[in-house]
Amino acid sequence: MKKFHLAYGRWEQSICRANRCTEQSHTLLALFYFQQAIQHSDHLISIKPLSRQSISAMLVSHHKLAELYEQHRACRAAWQHYQSACVTMENSVRVHGEQPVIVWGSQVANSKLHSFEKQYGVYGGATSENSARTRQVAFVARQPLSAQ
């Protein structure tokens, strides 16, 4: 547990620095600290993959960096980070199944990507139809096996 708390503290420090740099219009430093926060969030997920804190850190890191790219009209880079959060959640589903925290994280990631694509379009050579088919847009909670 101590390892996780130390790692979470490093993530928090990076994300706070990135936010401060963004507020002060130090874009290159903000990019650096957001990338650092993503690395820390990857480490958090490797320690506790089913932790809401780990998944939240990953989502916040990618989404805040994507928003910074959006502000600077770097839409392809923004899309890549929204997409990356979705891919991370899809991989979690494959490894851990549809655990409640993973369903939640997947819904958040897909919602942000969908909102972005609705406003700016789809990048990466895919069409909206193909993009929607290649990722899970939402999960439906299943009834327990005993209820079936």
Foldseek 3Di string as FASTA:
>chain_A
DVVLVVLLVLLVVLCVQLVVCVVVVVLVSNLVSLVVSLVSLVVNCVVPVLDLSSLVSNVCSLQVNLVSCVVVPVNVSSLVSLVVQLVVLVVCCVVPNPDPSSQVSNQVSLVVNVVSCVVPNDDDPDHPVVVPVVGPNHDDDDDPPVVD
